[in-house]
Each structure stands twice: as C-alpha cells, then as structure tokens.
Amino acid sequence: MLSMILCLCAIIIGGIGLQGAMRSQVRLDAVYQERVVPLQRIKLTSDAWAVHVVDTAHKVRNKMLAPEQGLKVLEEAKQEIAEHWGAFISGYLTEKEKLLVTQLDSVDNRAQNAILRLQQILTEKDEEGLALFISRELYPAIDPLMKIFDQLMNLQLEETRMEYEDGQTTLARNKNIIISLIFFALLAGVTLSFIISRSILRVLGVEPSQAVEVAQRVAKGDLSVPVRLPENISDDSLIARLKAMQDNLEGIVGKVNQGAHAVAVASTQIAEGNNHCSDRVQEQVGALGQTAAAMEELSATVQLNAQSASQAVKAAHIAVSVAQNGGEIMQEVTGTMNDLDSSSRQIANITALIDNIASQTNLLSLNAAVEAARAGEYGRGFAVVAGEVRSLAQSSADASQQIRNLIDSNVLWVKKGTELVLKAEMMMQQLIEEVQNVTVMIDKISTASQEQSAGVHQIGVAVTQMDAATQQNAVMVEEIAATSNNLKDKALELVESMTQFRLAGERKNLH
C-alpha cells in the first residue's frame, strides 16, 4: 500500500512539474505572440509616423533632403504604416485595445490628410507652404496618433506584467504542492523501510548476519555445528529452513560416505579378480597365437608347394607349346633356307647381267673417247664425260664381282644351315616327347598339393577363429578390469569428497 502511495506521489509530482512546464510554455508563447509581437508592430508604426513623416518634412525644409527624395520616403512610410498597422489590428485584441484602436481611427483621417497635404507641398516645391505646414498643421495632426500609440504600448507592457505576476503565483503554488508531496513521500518511504525491515527479519527468523554465518558454514561443508532456533520461530522462516537443510544434508552425507566406503572395497576386490582373469586369458591368447602362427606357416608352405607345382605344370605346358612352335619354326626355317638358296641363284644371274652391261658400257666409253679425240677442241667436254662413264662402268664391274663372291659364300652357308636345321628339328621332336611325360607327372603332384593345401587352410581358419574369439574375450576382460579400476578410483574420489563434510559425531571425536 505504501509503495503504491509513493508511486502515486511520484506521478503527481511529475504531473505537476510537467503541467507547470507546459503552462509556462503556453504563457511564454502567448506573451510573445500576443504582447511582444504587437508591441513591435505598434513601435514600427509609431516610428514610421515620427521618423519618416515628421523627420522627412524637417529635412526637406532644412534642404537636407530634396523634395523628390522626400516624396519617395513618404510613399515608403505610407506602405510601412499600412503593413504594420494592418498586421496589428488583424491579431488578437483585448477590449481596451479595441477601444484605443477605435479612438485612433477617429484621428487617423486627419493624419492621412496631413500626409497628402505634405506630398502636395513637396510636389509643388513650396518652401513657404512647407514651413507653415510644419508649424501649424503637422504636429496637431500627428500628436494625437503618438499619444494613442503610447497608450497601446503601455497597455502591452501592462498585460505582460500581469502575465508575469500570474506565472509567479502559479509557480509558487506548484512549488508548495511539490514540497508537500515530497515531504509526504519521504515520510511514506521511511515508514515503508521500517515495515520492509521488520518483514525481512520475520522471514529470516534471526538477524541477517546469523543466517549468513549458518549458510557459510554449510557452504564450507561444516555440518558439525547445530543450528539453534529462537523461541516461537515460524517453520517457514529462513533459519528454520536452513536447520532442516543441514539436518537432512548431514544424514545424506553420512549415508553416502558409508556407501562410498563399501563401493570402494567391493570395486577393489572386483578389480583384483579381473586382473587375475585377464592374466589367464592373456596366457591363452599367447598359446593360441603361437598355434595360429605355426598353422599359418604350414599353410603358407603347403600353398607355396601347390603354387610351385601349378607353376611347374604351366611351365611344362608352355615348354611343350614352345617346343612344338620351335619344330614348326624349324620347318619354316628350312623352307626359308631353300627360298634363300633360290634367291641367291637369281641374284647371281642378275649380277652376271650387270657385269655384262658394265663391260659393254666400258667399250662404249672407249669408243666415245676415241671419237672425242678425233673431234679435237670441240670433243673435249664429251671426252671428259666418256671418262667418267668408263670409270663408273669399271666401278660397276668391281661391285658386281664382289656381289658374286658374297653370293657364292652365302650359298655355302645356306647349305650348312639347312643341314643344321634338319638336325635341330629331330632333337626338338625328342624334347617334346620328354616334356609331355614330365607334364603328366607334375599334374599328379599339383593335384595332391592342392588337396593338402585345402585341408591345411580349413585347420588354419578354425585356429584363427579360436584366436580371434580368445582375443575378444581378452579385450572384454581388460575393459571390465579398466571399468573396475575406474569404479575404484571414483569410489575413492567420492570418499575423499565426503571428507570435506564434518558431521556432528566427528566434531565430538575431535573434542
């Protein structure tokens, strides 16, 4: 309730301050728009009459200003008067202002006629008329206007003063209200603080420092100091809740401590049993590993023998095939040697023909040389050509002789090669028969080796499966052992953590 009152006071104070600020803004705006601006317009209108009209008349009379310039100034004065006065009467006017405006309208015609009369005199440049106008007509026509202008300006100042005094009164009233509300809010705040402190003390049950001390002891793990409750304390108070929490926590910590010790002992025994089991499984794994390795070596040896026999069979078949191909090739070589002998004989015939052509070419070159000698100077070039031809013919004859000698030699070698090929063909036929016999024996050995390899492979697979299963068991035993050790470590950590709590029985033992 008091907090609502404080909020209400704050809202009222803020509302009054905001309202005062808004009213001040409105009044300042009204003073400026309704008093300062109209005062300025009245002043400008009054200055236009006093300065532009009266001063211009005196300046033209004193020849400080030409009549033409005076007419121009009067025209500008009429425009300014109409502008400023029209703006003033078009704004907001009080009853007093309206009355003064009505009075001014009654004398304004005489002033306007005076301006027209002054313009006429300046147009006619009548100096004597201007002097008479200033002394007799000008001031009687303008002075009534000036008096009304003064009354209007005084009225604006009076209205401004009244607005100021009204604002001061409102400010003083608002200030008194705000001071009263602040005093009331302070009183309500003090009362609320007292009520809140009593309420907090009732909720805590004890002084805040005592509750903090109990909470700090529990936070440090010290459950050995009992919490003493004051008389007639509520069960819902903080200190009662802290006492219940400490009592429950003391019981839980005691049970957890006992359980942690029991788990630590049991996990230690489990870990020791798993370690013994793991050692025995490791021994079995080692024995099976050695057996599997021996079987793998035996299987590899048998497979190697089978592969060697298979490769020997393949090699024998290849040897038979090669020998048969060799016999066929020998037959082809024999035919080729015969063809080579026939070709050598044909080449010998062609060489004889080339030798004959070379001899005839030599004779022709000799005849050509004789004819060139007969021709004298004209046959000298032909004699040179004939000499070259004879030289080429001799070279052809020599080459033909060399080819003949080579062919004769090749014929002899071809004959010997043919005889050797026939002997090799006979030996190849005998080799084929022996290789076929060896192939039959190796096929039998290969079949027996493959059957032996299959049997050894099946035994190796069985041993490998046993080894894999034993290794899996060893891994599982090691995992169980690791889990048991981890459980033992966690139990010891839990026991160590429980030592941070000091129970009431332990405190008595210390004493």
Protein backbone atom coordinates (compact mmCIF):
# COMPACT_ATOMS: atom_id res chain seq x y z
CA MET A 1 0.00 0.00 0.00
CA LEU A 2 2.80 2.41 0.94
CA SER A 3 4.67 1.58 -2.25
CA MET A 4 1.54 2.50 -4.22
CA ILE A 5 1.33 5.77 -2.29
CA LEU A 6 5.00 6.51 -3.12
CA CYS A 7 4.37 5.79 -6.79
CA LEU A 8 1.25 7.97 -6.71
CA CYS A 9 3.24 10.83 -5.13
CA ALA A 10 5.94 10.50 -7.76
CA ILE A 11 3.31 10.53 -10.51
CA ILE A 12 1.60 13.60 -9.01
CA ILE A 13 4.92 15.45 -8.62
CA GLY A 14 5.88 14.61 -12.18
CA GLY A 15 2.43 15.60 -13.45
CA ILE A 16 2.52 18.93 -11.64
CA GLY A 17 6.02 19.64 -12.91
CA LEU A 18 5.04 18.69 -16.47
CA GLN A 19 1.84 20.72 -16.27
CA GLY A 20 3.75 23.73 -14.93
CA ALA A 21 6.31 23.44 -17.72
CA MET A 22 3.56 23.18 -20.33
CA ARG A 23 1.70 26.15 -18.86
CA SER A 24 4.90 28.17 -18.77
CA GLN A 25 5.49 27.30 -22.42
CA VAL A 26 1.93 28.29 -23.33
CA ARG A 27 2.18 31.57 -21.42
CA LEU A 28 5.56 32.43 -22.87
CA ASP A 29 4.18 31.73 -26.33
CA ALA A 30 1.09 33.85 -25.57
CA VAL A 31 3.25 36.70 -24.21
CA TYR A 32 5.42 36.60 -27.28
CA GLN A 33 2.62 36.27 -29.84
CA GLU A 34 0.02 38.50 -28.12
CA ARG A 35 2.25 41.09 -26.44
CA VAL A 36 5.79 41.24 -27.79
CA VAL A 37 4.90 40.96 -31.48
CA PRO A 38 2.01 43.50 -31.27
CA LEU A 39 4.27 45.86 -29.25
CA GLN A 40 6.87 45.62 -32.01
CA ARG A 41 4.25 46.37 -34.68
CA ILE A 42 2.94 49.40 -32.74
CA LYS A 43 6.50 50.64 -32.28
CA LEU A 44 7.26 50.24 -36.01
CA THR A 45 4.03 52.08 -36.92
CA SER A 46 4.82 54.88 -34.45
CA ASP A 47 8.38 55.17 -35.79
CA ALA A 48 7.07 55.37 -39.33
CA TRP A 49 4.96 58.42 -38.39
CA ALA A 50 7.54 60.08 -36.20
CA VAL A 51 10.69 59.35 -38.16
CA HIS A 52 9.68 59.00 -41.77
CA VAL A 53 6.92 61.63 -41.91
CA VAL A 54 7.96 64.31 -39.39
CA ASP A 55 11.71 63.91 -39.88
CA THR A 56 11.36 63.96 -43.68
CA ALA A 57 9.38 67.24 -43.52
CA HIS A 58 12.10 68.89 -41.42
CA LYS A 59 14.91 67.58 -43.67
CA VAL A 60 13.27 68.92 -46.81
CA ARG A 61 12.64 72.27 -45.11
CA ASN A 62 16.26 72.44 -43.99
CA LYS A 63 17.29 71.40 -47.52
CA MET A 64 18.98 68.29 -46.20
CA LEU A 65 16.78 66.25 -48.49
CA ALA A 66 15.43 67.01 -51.95
CA PRO A 67 11.64 67.19 -52.42
CA GLU A 68 11.75 64.21 -54.80
CA GLN A 69 13.55 62.14 -52.21
CA GLY A 70 11.09 63.29 -49.57
CA LEU A 71 8.18 62.12 -51.71
CA LYS A 72 9.81 58.73 -52.07
CA VAL A 73 10.33 58.45 -48.30
CA LEU A 74 6.71 59.44 -47.63
CA GLU A 75 5.48 56.78 -50.03
CA GLU A 76 7.57 54.14 -48.27
CA ALA A 77 6.28 55.40 -44.89
CA LYS A 78 2.68 55.01 -46.04
CA GLN A 79 3.38 51.40 -47.09
CA GLU A 80 5.10 50.56 -43.78
CA ILE A 81 2.29 52.17 -41.77
CA ALA A 82 -0.34 50.21 -43.68
CA GLU A 83 1.63 46.94 -43.35
CA HIS A 84 2.45 47.10 -39.63
CA TRP A 85 -0.85 48.60 -38.51
CA GLY A 86 -2.83 46.12 -40.59
CA ALA A 87 -0.88 43.21 -39.02
CA PHE A 88 -1.60 44.60 -35.53
CA ILE A 89 -5.35 45.04 -35.91
CA SER A 90 -5.69 41.62 -37.61
CA GLY A 91 -4.33 39.84 -34.48
CA TYR A 92 -5.90 39.18 -31.08
CA LEU A 93 -7.17 42.42 -29.40
CA THR A 94 -8.46 42.91 -25.88
CA GLU A 95 -11.39 45.20 -25.16
CA LYS A 96 -9.08 48.02 -24.09
CA GLU A 97 -7.05 47.60 -27.28
CA LYS A 98 -10.19 47.66 -29.40
CA LEU A 99 -11.30 50.91 -27.67
CA LEU A 100 -7.91 52.55 -28.35
CA VAL A 101 -7.99 51.33 -31.99
CA THR A 102 -11.42 52.95 -32.37
CA GLN A 103 -10.07 56.21 -30.95
CA LEU A 104 -7.08 56.04 -33.29
CA ASP A 105 -9.33 55.55 -36.31
CA SER A 106 -11.06 58.86 -35.48
CA VAL A 107 -7.79 60.82 -35.66
CA ASP A 108 -6.18 58.73 -38.39
CA ASN A 109 -8.07 60.53 -41.18
CA ARG A 110 -6.61 63.88 -40.13
CA ALA A 111 -3.10 62.35 -40.09
CA GLN A 112 -3.60 60.77 -43.53
CA ASN A 113 -4.83 64.12 -44.88
CA ALA A 114 -1.73 65.73 -43.41
CA ILE A 115 0.46 63.28 -45.37
CA LEU A 116 -1.45 64.05 -48.56
CA ARG A 117 -1.05 67.78 -47.90
CA LEU A 118 2.72 67.28 -47.30
CA GLN A 119 3.06 65.29 -50.54
CA GLN A 120 1.28 68.09 -52.43
CA ILE A 121 3.61 70.74 -50.96
CA LEU A 122 6.69 68.65 -51.83
CA THR A 123 5.40 68.10 -55.32
CA GLU A 124 4.89 71.87 -55.77
CA LYS A 125 8.23 72.54 -54.01
CA ASP A 126 6.55 75.25 -51.95
CA GLU A 127 9.11 76.15 -49.28
CA GLU A 128 6.95 78.76 -47.51
CA GLY A 129 3.96 76.44 -47.57
CA LEU A 130 6.14 73.67 -46.11
CA ALA A 131 7.30 75.92 -43.25
CA LEU A 132 3.71 76.97 -42.46
CA PHE A 133 2.57 73.31 -42.69
CA ILE A 134 5.17 72.17 -40.21
CA SER A 135 4.46 74.95 -37.71
CA ARG A 136 0.64 74.88 -37.93
CA GLU A 137 -0.70 71.53 -39.30
CA LEU A 138 1.87 68.73 -38.94
CA TYR A 139 2.09 68.32 -35.16
CA PRO A 140 -1.62 68.90 -34.42
CA ALA A 141 -2.38 66.07 -36.89
CA ILE A 142 0.26 63.56 -35.69
CA ASP A 143 0.47 64.17 -31.91
CA PRO A 144 -2.94 62.54 -31.19
CA LEU A 145 -1.70 59.43 -33.02
CA MET A 146 1.51 59.34 -30.99
CA LYS A 147 -0.46 59.57 -27.72
CA ILE A 148 -2.67 56.62 -28.70
CA PHE A 149 0.42 54.65 -29.81
CA ASP A 150 1.97 55.33 -26.40
CA GLN A 151 -1.20 54.15 -24.66
CA LEU A 152 -1.21 50.95 -26.76
CA MET A 153 2.44 50.25 -25.92
CA ASN A 154 1.83 50.91 -22.21
CA LEU A 155 -1.17 48.58 -22.40
CA GLN A 156 1.02 45.82 -23.90
CA LEU A 157 3.56 46.29 -21.12
CA GLU A 158 0.81 46.20 -18.51
CA GLU A 159 -0.64 42.97 -19.93
CA THR A 160 2.86 41.43 -19.99
CA ARG A 161 3.39 42.42 -16.34
CA MET A 162 0.06 40.83 -15.37
CA GLU A 163 1.00 37.60 -17.21
CA TYR A 164 4.34 37.57 -15.37
CA GLU A 165 2.68 38.05 -11.95
CA ASP A 166 0.15 35.31 -12.74
CA GLY A 167 3.00 32.96 -13.70
CA GLN A 168 4.84 33.75 -10.46
CA THR A 169 1.70 32.99 -8.46
CA THR A 170 1.21 29.65 -10.26
CA LEU A 171 4.89 28.78 -9.75
CA ALA A 172 4.69 29.49 -6.01
CA ARG A 173 1.53 27.39 -5.70
CA ASN A 174 3.06 24.45 -7.58
CA LYS A 175 6.26 24.73 -5.54
CA ASN A 176 4.30 24.49 -2.28
CA ILE A 177 2.36 21.48 -3.58
CA ILE A 178 5.54 19.69 -4.71
CA ILE A 179 7.30 20.38 -1.39
CA SER A 180 4.30 18.97 0.49
CA LEU A 181 4.21 15.87 -1.72
CA ILE A 182 7.98 15.33 -1.31
CA PHE A 183 7.67 15.56 2.48
CA PHE A 184 4.76 13.12 2.40
CA ALA A 185 6.74 10.75 0.12
CA LEU A 186 9.73 10.87 2.48
CA LEU A 187 7.51 10.07 5.41
CA ALA A 188 5.92 7.19 3.50
CA GLY A 189 9.38 5.93 2.42
CA VAL A 190 10.67 5.85 5.99
CA THR A 191 7.56 4.02 7.12
CA LEU A 192 7.85 1.56 4.22
CA SER A 193 11.54 0.91 5.01
CA PHE A 194 10.67 0.13 8.62
CA ILE A 195 7.87 -2.21 7.58
CA ILE A 196 10.10 -3.96 5.00
CA SER A 197 12.93 -4.45 7.51
CA ARG A 198 10.52 -5.96 10.04
CA SER A 199 9.06 -8.19 7.33
CA ILE A 200 12.55 -9.36 6.25
CA LEU A 201 13.51 -10.06 9.86
CA ARG A 202 10.29 -12.06 10.31
CA VAL A 203 11.07 -14.07 7.13
CA LEU A 204 14.71 -14.68 8.16
CA GLY A 205 13.83 -15.59 11.75
CA VAL A 206 17.17 -14.23 13.01
CA GLU A 207 19.45 -11.36 12.24
CA PRO A 208 20.79 -11.45 8.66
CA SER A 209 24.38 -11.89 9.92
CA GLN A 210 23.42 -15.08 11.81
CA ALA A 211 21.67 -16.53 8.73
CA VAL A 212 24.73 -15.69 6.59
CA GLU A 213 27.02 -17.40 9.13
CA VAL A 214 24.95 -20.62 9.00
CA ALA A 215 24.87 -20.57 5.18
CA GLN A 216 28.65 -20.04 5.00
CA ARG A 217 29.32 -22.99 7.37
CA VAL A 218 27.12 -25.26 5.25
CA ALA A 219 28.79 -23.99 2.06
CA LYS A 220 32.21 -24.92 3.54
CA GLY A 221 30.94 -28.43 4.39
CA ASP A 222 30.90 -27.92 8.17
CA LEU A 223 27.75 -29.71 9.35
CA SER A 224 29.05 -30.28 12.89
CA VAL A 225 27.64 -27.10 14.50
CA PRO A 226 23.90 -27.45 15.27
CA VAL A 227 21.58 -24.59 14.37
CA ARG A 228 19.80 -23.11 17.41
CA LEU A 229 16.34 -21.69 16.72
CA PRO A 230 14.82 -18.82 18.73
CA GLU A 231 11.59 -19.41 20.62
CA ASN A 232 8.27 -19.11 18.79
CA ILE A 233 10.05 -19.20 15.42
CA SER A 234 7.96 -19.96 12.36
CA ASP A 235 8.67 -23.15 10.42
CA ASP A 236 8.55 -21.10 7.21
CA SER A 237 11.40 -18.81 8.29
CA LEU A 238 14.77 -18.96 6.53
CA ILE A 239 16.71 -20.06 9.63
CA ALA A 240 14.24 -22.95 10.19
CA ARG A 241 14.67 -23.99 6.57
CA LEU A 242 18.46 -23.80 6.92
CA LYS A 243 18.34 -26.01 10.03
CA ALA A 244 16.17 -28.57 8.23
CA MET A 245 18.51 -28.46 5.24
CA GLN A 246 21.60 -29.00 7.45
CA ASP A 247 19.95 -31.91 9.30
CA ASN A 248 18.88 -33.60 6.04
CA LEU A 249 22.25 -32.94 4.44
CA GLU A 250 24.05 -34.42 7.46
CA GLY A 251 22.03 -37.64 7.15
CA ILE A 252 22.56 -37.85 3.39
CA VAL A 253 26.30 -37.23 3.67
CA GLY A 254 26.63 -39.94 6.33
CA LYS A 255 24.81 -42.50 4.17
CA VAL A 256 26.76 -41.52 1.07
CA ASN A 257 30.04 -41.77 2.99
CA GLN A 258 29.21 -45.31 4.18
CA GLY A 259 28.11 -46.34 0.69
CA ALA A 260 31.26 -44.86 -0.84
CA HIS A 261 33.48 -46.90 1.51
CA ALA A 262 31.54 -50.06 0.70
CA VAL A 263 31.75 -49.40 -3.06
CA ALA A 264 35.49 -48.71 -2.77
CA VAL A 265 36.10 -52.07 -1.00
CA ALA A 266 33.92 -54.03 -3.46
CA SER A 267 35.43 -52.36 -6.52
CA THR A 268 38.94 -53.16 -5.22
CA GLN A 269 38.05 -56.86 -4.90
CA ILE A 270 36.44 -56.88 -8.37
CA ALA A 271 39.50 -55.19 -9.87
CA GLU A 272 41.84 -57.80 -8.32
CA GLY A 273 39.70 -60.71 -9.63
CA ASN A 274 39.55 -59.18 -13.10
CA ASN A 275 43.33 -58.74 -13.11
CA HIS A 276 43.83 -62.48 -12.36
CA CYS A 277 41.30 -63.43 -15.04
CA SER A 278 42.99 -61.07 -17.51
CA ASP A 279 46.38 -62.72 -16.87
CA ARG A 280 44.97 -66.21 -17.58
CA VAL A 281 43.20 -65.03 -20.73
CA GLN A 282 46.41 -63.41 -21.91
CA GLU A 283 48.23 -66.75 -21.48
CA GLN A 284 45.55 -68.49 -23.58
CA VAL A 285 45.80 -65.76 -26.20
CA GLY A 286 49.58 -66.27 -26.38
CA ALA A 287 49.26 -70.06 -26.80
CA LEU A 288 46.58 -69.75 -29.48
CA GLY A 289 48.64 -67.07 -31.19
CA GLN A 290 51.64 -69.41 -31.40
CA THR A 291 49.44 -72.24 -32.73
CA ALA A 292 47.85 -69.94 -35.30
CA ALA A 293 51.28 -68.69 -36.36
CA ALA A 294 52.53 -72.28 -36.81
CA MET A 295 49.43 -73.21 -38.82
CA GLU A 296 49.85 -70.11 -40.94
CA GLU A 297 53.49 -71.05 -41.65
CA LEU A 298 52.48 -74.64 -42.53
CA SER A 299 49.62 -73.39 -44.70
CA ALA A 300 51.97 -70.96 -46.40
CA THR A 301 54.47 -73.79 -47.07
CA VAL A 302 51.78 -76.10 -48.50
CA GLN A 303 50.33 -73.28 -50.58
CA LEU A 304 53.82 -72.47 -51.81
CA ASN A 305 54.34 -76.13 -52.82
CA ALA A 306 50.96 -76.18 -54.57
CA GLN A 307 51.74 -72.93 -56.31
CA SER A 308 55.19 -74.26 -57.32
CA ALA A 309 53.61 -77.46 -58.69
CA SER A 310 50.97 -75.43 -60.52
CA GLN A 311 53.64 -73.16 -61.93
CA ALA A 312 55.69 -76.25 -62.95
CA VAL A 313 52.64 -77.62 -64.77
CA LYS A 314 52.15 -74.32 -66.52
CA ALA A 315 55.86 -74.17 -67.35
CA ALA A 316 55.75 -77.74 -68.72
CA HIS A 317 52.75 -76.93 -70.88
CA ILE A 318 54.48 -73.79 -72.03
CA ALA A 319 57.64 -75.82 -72.77
CA VAL A 320 55.62 -78.31 -74.84
CA SER A 321 53.97 -75.44 -76.66
CA VAL A 322 57.31 -73.74 -77.19
CA ALA A 323 58.91 -76.98 -78.43
CA GLN A 324 56.04 -77.56 -80.83
CA ASN A 325 56.29 -73.99 -82.02
CA GLY A 326 60.07 -74.48 -82.34
CA GLY A 327 59.52 -77.54 -84.57
CA GLU A 328 57.13 -75.59 -86.73
CA ILE A 329 59.59 -72.72 -86.90
CA MET A 330 62.37 -75.16 -87.86
CA GLN A 331 60.24 -76.36 -90.71
CA GLU A 332 59.60 -72.79 -91.77
CA VAL A 333 63.34 -72.04 -91.48
CA THR A 334 64.10 -75.00 -93.77
CA GLY A 335 61.69 -73.67 -96.37
CA THR A 336 63.13 -70.21 -95.92
CA MET A 337 66.67 -71.53 -96.44
CA ASN A 338 65.56 -73.20 -99.66
CA ASP A 339 63.92 -69.97 -100.79
CA LEU A 340 67.11 -68.10 -99.84
CA ASP A 341 69.21 -70.53 -101.97
CA SER A 342 66.89 -69.98 -104.93
CA SER A 343 67.01 -66.20 -104.44
CA SER A 344 70.83 -66.31 -104.26
CA ARG A 345 70.95 -68.07 -107.61
CA GLN A 346 68.66 -65.44 -109.14
CA ILE A 347 70.83 -62.66 -107.71
CA ALA A 348 73.90 -64.38 -109.30
CA ASN A 349 72.20 -64.32 -112.68
CA ILE A 350 71.31 -60.64 -112.25
CA THR A 351 74.89 -59.88 -111.21
CA ALA A 352 76.21 -61.57 -114.38
CA LEU A 353 73.85 -59.41 -116.39
CA ILE A 354 75.11 -56.27 -114.59
CA ASP A 355 78.72 -57.38 -115.29
CA ASN A 356 77.93 -57.77 -118.99
CA ILE A 357 76.30 -54.31 -119.05
CA ALA A 358 79.37 -52.83 -117.37
CA SER A 359 81.68 -54.39 -119.98
CA GLN A 360 79.60 -53.05 -122.84
CA THR A 361 79.43 -49.63 -121.17
CA ASN A 362 83.24 -49.68 -120.87
CA LEU A 363 83.60 -50.43 -124.60
CA LEU A 364 81.15 -47.67 -125.47
CA SER A 365 83.07 -45.21 -123.32
CA LEU A 366 86.31 -46.16 -125.09
CA ASN A 367 84.68 -45.58 -128.45
CA ALA A 368 83.33 -42.27 -127.24
CA ALA A 369 86.78 -41.24 -126.08
CA VAL A 370 88.23 -42.07 -129.50
CA GLU A 371 85.52 -40.06 -131.22
CA ALA A 372 86.13 -37.14 -128.85
CA ALA A 373 89.84 -37.22 -129.66
CA ARG A 374 89.02 -37.01 -133.32
CA ALA A 375 86.75 -34.05 -132.74
CA GLY A 376 89.63 -32.13 -131.20
CA GLU A 377 88.75 -28.99 -129.22
CA TYR A 378 85.00 -29.48 -129.69
CA GLY A 379 85.02 -33.01 -128.30
CA ARG A 380 86.99 -32.21 -125.14
CA GLY A 381 83.91 -31.97 -122.93
CA PHE A 382 82.49 -35.16 -124.37
CA ALA A 383 85.83 -36.87 -123.68
CA VAL A 384 85.54 -35.89 -120.02
CA VAL A 385 82.03 -37.37 -119.84
CA ALA A 386 83.24 -40.54 -121.58
CA GLY A 387 86.00 -40.85 -118.99
CA GLU A 388 83.50 -40.57 -116.16
CA VAL A 389 81.26 -43.17 -117.77
CA ARG A 390 84.19 -45.55 -118.17
CA SER A 391 85.10 -45.01 -114.52
CA LEU A 392 81.51 -45.78 -113.46
CA ALA A 393 81.47 -48.88 -115.68
CA GLN A 394 84.65 -50.14 -114.03
CA SER A 395 83.16 -49.46 -110.56
CA SER A 396 80.02 -51.38 -111.52
CA ALA A 397 82.13 -54.32 -112.71
CA ASP A 398 84.07 -54.37 -109.44
CA ALA A 399 80.88 -54.19 -107.37
CA SER A 400 79.31 -56.95 -109.43
CA GLN A 401 82.34 -59.17 -108.79
CA GLN A 402 82.09 -58.52 -105.03
CA ILE A 403 78.39 -59.37 -105.04
CA ARG A 404 79.10 -62.60 -106.89
CA ASN A 405 81.71 -63.58 -104.32
CA LEU A 406 79.28 -62.85 -101.46
CA ILE A 407 76.50 -64.85 -103.11
CA ASP A 408 78.78 -67.85 -103.56
CA SER A 409 79.70 -67.63 -99.89
CA ASN A 410 76.01 -67.31 -98.86
CA VAL A 411 75.09 -70.35 -100.89
CA LEU A 412 77.61 -72.42 -98.96
CA TRP A 413 76.34 -71.09 -95.58
CA VAL A 414 72.72 -71.69 -96.58
CA LYS A 415 73.53 -75.29 -97.37
CA LYS A 416 75.18 -75.79 -93.98
CA GLY A 417 72.27 -74.00 -92.24
CA THR A 418 69.77 -76.30 -93.90
CA GLU A 419 71.60 -79.36 -92.62
CA LEU A 420 71.74 -77.94 -89.06
CA VAL A 421 68.04 -77.09 -89.11
CA LEU A 422 67.17 -80.65 -90.03
CA LYS A 423 69.21 -81.94 -87.06
CA ALA A 424 67.60 -79.38 -84.71
CA GLU A 425 64.14 -80.42 -85.86
CA MET A 426 64.87 -84.05 -84.92
CA MET A 427 66.17 -83.01 -81.44
CA MET A 428 63.09 -80.77 -80.89
CA GLN A 429 60.77 -83.70 -81.59
CA GLN A 430 62.56 -85.80 -78.94
CA LEU A 431 62.36 -82.88 -76.45
CA ILE A 432 58.60 -82.55 -76.98
CA GLU A 433 58.07 -86.22 -76.10
CA GLU A 434 60.15 -85.93 -72.85
CA VAL A 435 58.38 -82.71 -71.77
CA GLN A 436 54.96 -84.31 -72.24
CA ASN A 437 55.99 -87.17 -69.92
CA VAL A 438 57.22 -84.69 -67.25
CA THR A 439 53.94 -82.70 -67.56
CA VAL A 440 51.85 -85.76 -66.71
CA MET A 441 53.86 -86.41 -63.52
CA ILE A 442 53.73 -82.75 -62.42
CA ASP A 443 49.92 -82.69 -62.90
CA LYS A 444 49.61 -85.54 -60.41
CA ILE A 445 51.88 -83.74 -57.88
CA SER A 446 49.87 -80.47 -58.29
CA THR A 447 46.54 -82.22 -57.64
CA ALA A 448 47.86 -83.79 -54.42
CA SER A 449 49.34 -80.46 -53.24
CA GLN A 450 46.05 -78.61 -53.81
CA GLU A 451 44.11 -81.17 -51.76
CA GLN A 452 46.69 -80.93 -48.95
CA SER A 453 46.56 -77.09 -49.07
CA ALA A 454 42.75 -77.09 -48.77
CA GLY A 455 42.91 -79.27 -45.65
CA VAL A 456 45.59 -77.17 -44.00
CA HIS A 457 43.64 -73.98 -44.86
CA GLN A 458 40.50 -75.26 -43.10
CA ILE A 459 42.54 -76.09 -39.98
CA GLY A 460 44.15 -72.61 -40.10
CA VAL A 461 40.73 -70.91 -40.40
CA ALA A 462 39.45 -72.78 -37.34
CA VAL A 463 42.53 -71.88 -35.29
CA THR A 464 42.28 -68.24 -36.44
CA GLN A 465 38.62 -68.07 -35.36
CA MET A 466 39.54 -69.50 -31.95
CA ASP A 467 42.36 -66.97 -31.65
CA ALA A 468 40.03 -64.08 -32.59
CA ALA A 469 37.40 -65.18 -30.07
CA THR A 470 40.03 -65.53 -27.35
CA GLN A 471 41.43 -62.09 -28.16
CA GLN A 472 37.92 -60.59 -27.95
CA ASN A 473 37.49 -62.23 -24.57
CA ALA A 474 40.83 -60.78 -23.51
CA VAL A 475 39.76 -57.32 -24.65
CA MET A 476 36.46 -57.63 -22.79
CA VAL A 477 38.28 -58.78 -19.65
CA GLU A 478 40.65 -55.83 -19.95
CA GLU A 479 37.70 -53.46 -20.41
CA ILE A 480 35.99 -54.93 -17.36
CA ALA A 481 39.24 -54.58 -15.42
CA ALA A 482 39.60 -50.96 -16.56
CA THR A 483 35.97 -50.29 -15.60
CA SER A 484 36.55 -51.86 -12.20
CA ASN A 485 39.67 -49.77 -11.66
CA ASN A 486 37.78 -46.67 -12.75
CA LEU A 487 34.95 -47.56 -10.37
CA LYS A 488 37.51 -47.99 -7.59
CA ASP A 489 39.07 -44.60 -8.38
CA LYS A 490 35.66 -42.91 -8.47
CA ALA A 491 34.74 -44.53 -5.17
CA LEU A 492 37.98 -43.29 -3.62
CA GLU A 493 37.33 -39.83 -5.05
CA LEU A 494 33.83 -39.93 -3.56
CA VAL A 495 35.26 -40.94 -0.20
CA GLU A 496 37.79 -38.11 -0.47
CA SER A 497 34.99 -35.68 -1.35
CA MET A 498 32.95 -36.81 1.63
CA THR A 499 35.88 -35.92 3.91
CA GLN A 500 35.14 -32.25 3.18
CA PHE A 501 31.96 -32.57 5.26
CA ARG A 502 32.34 -32.51 9.03
CA LEU A 503 29.49 -34.21 10.86
CA ALA A 504 28.41 -33.78 14.45
CA GLY A 505 29.88 -37.16 15.51
CA GLU A 506 33.24 -36.25 14.03
CA ARG A 507 33.25 -32.97 15.97
CA LYS A 508 32.70 -34.87 19.21
CA ASN A 509 35.56 -37.21 18.35
CA LEU A 510 37.81 -34.21 17.77
CA HIS A 511 36.95 -32.90 21.22
